[in-house]
Protein backbone atom coordinates (compact mmCIF):
# COMPACT_ATOMS: atom_id res chain seq x y z
CA UNK A 1 0.13 0.06 0.05
CA UNK A 2 1.22 3.27 -0.83
CA UNK A 3 0.27 6.80 0.26
CA UNK A 4 -0.74 9.08 -2.29
CA UNK A 5 2.06 11.97 -3.12
CA UNK A 6 4.73 9.83 -0.85
CA UNK A 7 7.44 8.71 -2.94
CA UNK A 8 10.26 6.40 -1.84
CA UNK A 9 12.52 9.28 -1.58
CA UNK A 10 10.25 11.40 0.26
CA UNK A 11 9.51 8.26 2.63
CA UNK A 12 13.34 7.73 3.04
CA UNK A 13 14.09 11.81 4.00
CA UNK A 14 11.03 11.54 6.38
CA UNK A 15 12.08 8.33 8.17
CA UNK A 16 15.77 9.91 8.44
CA UNK A 17 14.59 12.96 9.77
CA UNK A 18 12.47 11.03 12.38
CA UNK A 19 14.87 8.22 13.23
CA UNK A 20 17.98 10.71 13.35
CA UNK A 21 15.82 13.16 15.86
CA UNK A 22 14.69 10.27 18.06
CA UNK A 23 18.26 8.84 18.22
CA UNK A 24 19.99 12.13 19.20
CA UNK A 25 17.28 12.59 21.88
CA UNK A 26 17.88 8.95 22.95
CA UNK A 27 21.65 9.57 23.20
CA UNK A 28 21.04 11.73 26.28
CA UNK A 29 19.96 8.70 28.30
CA UNK A 30 23.37 7.57 28.66
CA UNK A 31 24.03 10.64 31.08
CA UNK A 32 23.94 10.07 34.72
CA UNK A 33 20.84 11.36 36.93
CA UNK A 34 22.96 14.27 38.06
CA UNK A 35 23.53 15.77 34.97
CA UNK A 36 20.50 14.64 33.07
CA UNK A 37 19.58 16.47 29.85
CA UNK A 38 17.12 13.88 28.59
CA UNK A 39 13.98 16.36 29.45
CA UNK A 40 15.70 19.21 27.52
CA UNK A 41 16.71 16.89 24.75
CA UNK A 42 13.04 16.02 24.15
CA UNK A 43 12.12 19.61 24.70
CA UNK A 44 14.44 20.36 21.49
CA UNK A 45 13.05 17.22 19.71
CA UNK A 46 9.40 18.29 20.31
CA UNK A 47 10.12 21.88 19.39
CA UNK A 48 11.67 21.00 16.18
CA UNK A 49 9.04 19.02 15.22
CA UNK A 50 6.29 21.51 16.07
CA UNK A 51 8.54 24.17 14.09
CA UNK A 52 8.87 22.20 11.09
CA UNK A 53 5.20 21.13 10.81
CA UNK A 54 4.02 24.72 11.40
CA UNK A 55 6.68 26.12 9.17
CA UNK A 56 5.40 23.60 6.37
CA UNK A 57 1.87 24.89 7.21
CA UNK A 58 3.03 28.62 6.74
CA UNK A 59 4.75 27.56 3.47
CA UNK A 60 1.79 25.87 2.03
CA UNK A 61 -0.56 28.86 2.86
CA UNK A 62 2.07 31.13 0.98
CA UNK A 63 2.80 29.54 -2.19
CA UNK A 64 -0.45 27.38 -2.27
CA UNK A 65 -1.18 23.84 -3.54
CA UNK A 66 0.35 24.01 -7.12
CA UNK A 67 3.71 24.85 -5.86
CA UNK A 68 3.84 23.10 -2.26
CA UNK A 69 5.17 19.71 -3.55
CA UNK A 70 8.67 21.20 -4.61
CA UNK A 71 8.79 23.07 -1.14
CA UNK A 72 7.91 19.49 0.61
CA UNK A 73 11.22 18.37 -0.94
CA UNK A 74 13.10 21.18 -0.48
CA UNK A 75 12.46 21.20 3.34
CA UNK A 76 13.02 17.23 3.53
CA UNK A 77 16.50 17.80 1.81
CA UNK A 78 16.79 20.61 4.19
CA UNK A 79 16.14 18.50 7.07
CA UNK A 80 18.80 15.77 6.14
CA UNK A 81 21.50 18.33 6.38
CA UNK A 82 20.60 18.92 10.00
CA UNK A 83 20.55 15.23 10.62
CA UNK A 84 24.24 15.13 9.79
CA UNK A 85 24.75 17.62 12.77
CA UNK A 86 22.62 15.69 14.99
CA UNK A 87 24.40 12.20 14.41
CA UNK A 88 27.59 14.10 15.52
CA UNK A 89 25.95 15.25 18.46
CA UNK A 90 24.69 12.03 19.15
CA UNK A 91 27.98 10.38 18.56
CA UNK A 92 29.49 13.09 20.99
CA UNK A 93 26.87 12.36 23.55
CA UNK A 94 27.46 8.59 23.71
CA UNK A 95 31.25 9.19 23.63
CA UNK A 96 31.54 11.94 26.41
CA UNK A 97 28.95 10.53 28.82
CA UNK A 98 30.31 6.77 28.65
CA UNK A 99 33.97 7.86 28.84
CA UNK A 100 33.02 10.71 31.49
CA UNK A 101 31.81 7.79 33.63
CA UNK A 102 34.93 5.75 33.28
CA UNK A 103 37.24 8.60 33.16
CA UNK A 104 35.60 10.69 36.14
CA UNK A 105 35.66 13.77 33.68
CA UNK A 106 32.15 15.46 34.92
CA UNK A 107 34.14 18.75 35.37
CA UNK A 108 34.33 18.79 31.59
CA UNK A 109 30.50 18.95 31.48
CA UNK A 110 30.19 22.66 30.93
CA UNK A 111 32.64 22.63 27.99
CA UNK A 112 30.60 19.74 26.57
CA UNK A 113 27.56 22.00 26.63
CA UNK A 114 29.42 24.66 24.74
CA UNK A 115 30.72 22.43 22.30
CA UNK A 116 27.28 20.79 21.81
CA UNK A 117 25.65 23.92 21.29
CA UNK A 118 27.97 24.70 18.72
CA UNK A 119 27.20 21.70 16.62
CA UNK A 120 23.35 22.48 17.00
CA UNK A 121 24.24 26.12 15.88
CA UNK A 122 26.31 24.72 12.86
CA UNK A 123 23.68 22.51 12.02
CA UNK A 124 20.93 25.41 12.06
CA UNK A 125 23.46 27.30 10.05
CA UNK A 126 24.12 24.65 7.61
CA UNK A 127 20.39 23.92 7.03
CA UNK A 128 19.60 27.76 6.75
CA UNK A 129 22.31 28.20 4.10
CA UNK A 130 20.89 24.95 2.12
CA UNK A 131 17.26 26.38 2.50
CA UNK A 132 18.38 29.96 1.44
CA UNK A 133 20.29 28.68 -1.47
CA UNK A 134 17.42 26.30 -2.65
CA UNK A 135 14.78 28.87 -2.08
CA UNK A 136 16.32 31.06 -4.53
CA UNK A 137 16.05 28.65 -7.09
CA UNK A 138 12.43 27.99 -6.37
CA UNK A 139 11.81 31.76 -6.83
CA UNK A 140 11.81 33.35 -3.29
CA UNK A 141 14.61 35.85 -2.96
CA UNK A 142 17.38 35.37 -0.43
CA UNK A 143 16.33 38.14 1.75
CA UNK A 144 12.97 36.68 2.23
CA UNK A 145 14.21 33.17 2.52
CA UNK A 146 16.52 34.15 5.35
CA UNK A 147 13.51 36.03 6.94
CA UNK A 148 11.46 33.10 6.66
CA UNK A 149 14.21 30.79 8.11
CA UNK A 150 15.05 33.10 10.86
CA UNK A 151 11.69 34.42 11.84
CA UNK A 152 9.60 31.35 10.80
CA UNK A 153 11.31 28.18 11.54
CA UNK A 154 13.77 29.41 14.19
CA UNK A 155 11.26 31.57 15.50
CA UNK A 156 8.66 28.92 16.07
CA UNK A 157 11.03 26.46 17.36
CA UNK A 158 12.67 28.97 19.94
CA UNK A 159 9.08 30.01 21.10
CA UNK A 160 8.16 26.46 21.61
CA UNK A 161 11.20 25.39 23.25
CA UNK A 162 10.87 28.23 25.59
CA UNK A 163 7.34 27.36 26.50
CA UNK A 164 8.57 23.64 27.35
CA UNK A 165 11.73 24.56 29.00
CA UNK A 166 10.44 27.74 30.60
CA UNK A 167 7.16 26.37 31.73
CA UNK A 168 8.78 23.14 32.74
CA UNK A 169 6.19 21.37 30.77
CA UNK A 170 8.60 18.32 30.22
CA UNK A 171 9.77 18.17 33.88
């Protein structure tokens, strides 16, 4: 059985995004109870999912049904770029937390957080660059694509993450 409009490529990219995000969030489970970041990782994953779904609704509204197919593919390819950073982040989590217990290097935890935040920022920057470049080929100016990325996707992500973490929804 196939779902109308869902090509094998789209299904694979969607699966990659979901599995990569879940693996990233799950990689925080190796952290000990004193430094648990699992609720924050869950909040990041939920905020990303809400942001991407809302972002796609906004794009659908802006471009209409006739052009929406191209934007679905563009956003799925953009997410795949971000998954590369999440895979590095997941590997860093597992490596750091398993070796930290063995080596007793918990004092390095603040440095790890900074490096990890840098990986996430790099992933966002790479996705943004990909999205802006590809959007230009789809007829959206660079200025508008940057605004859509920063205020649309990242703005929604920041708002949802703030609600989840600040409101202690996932505590």
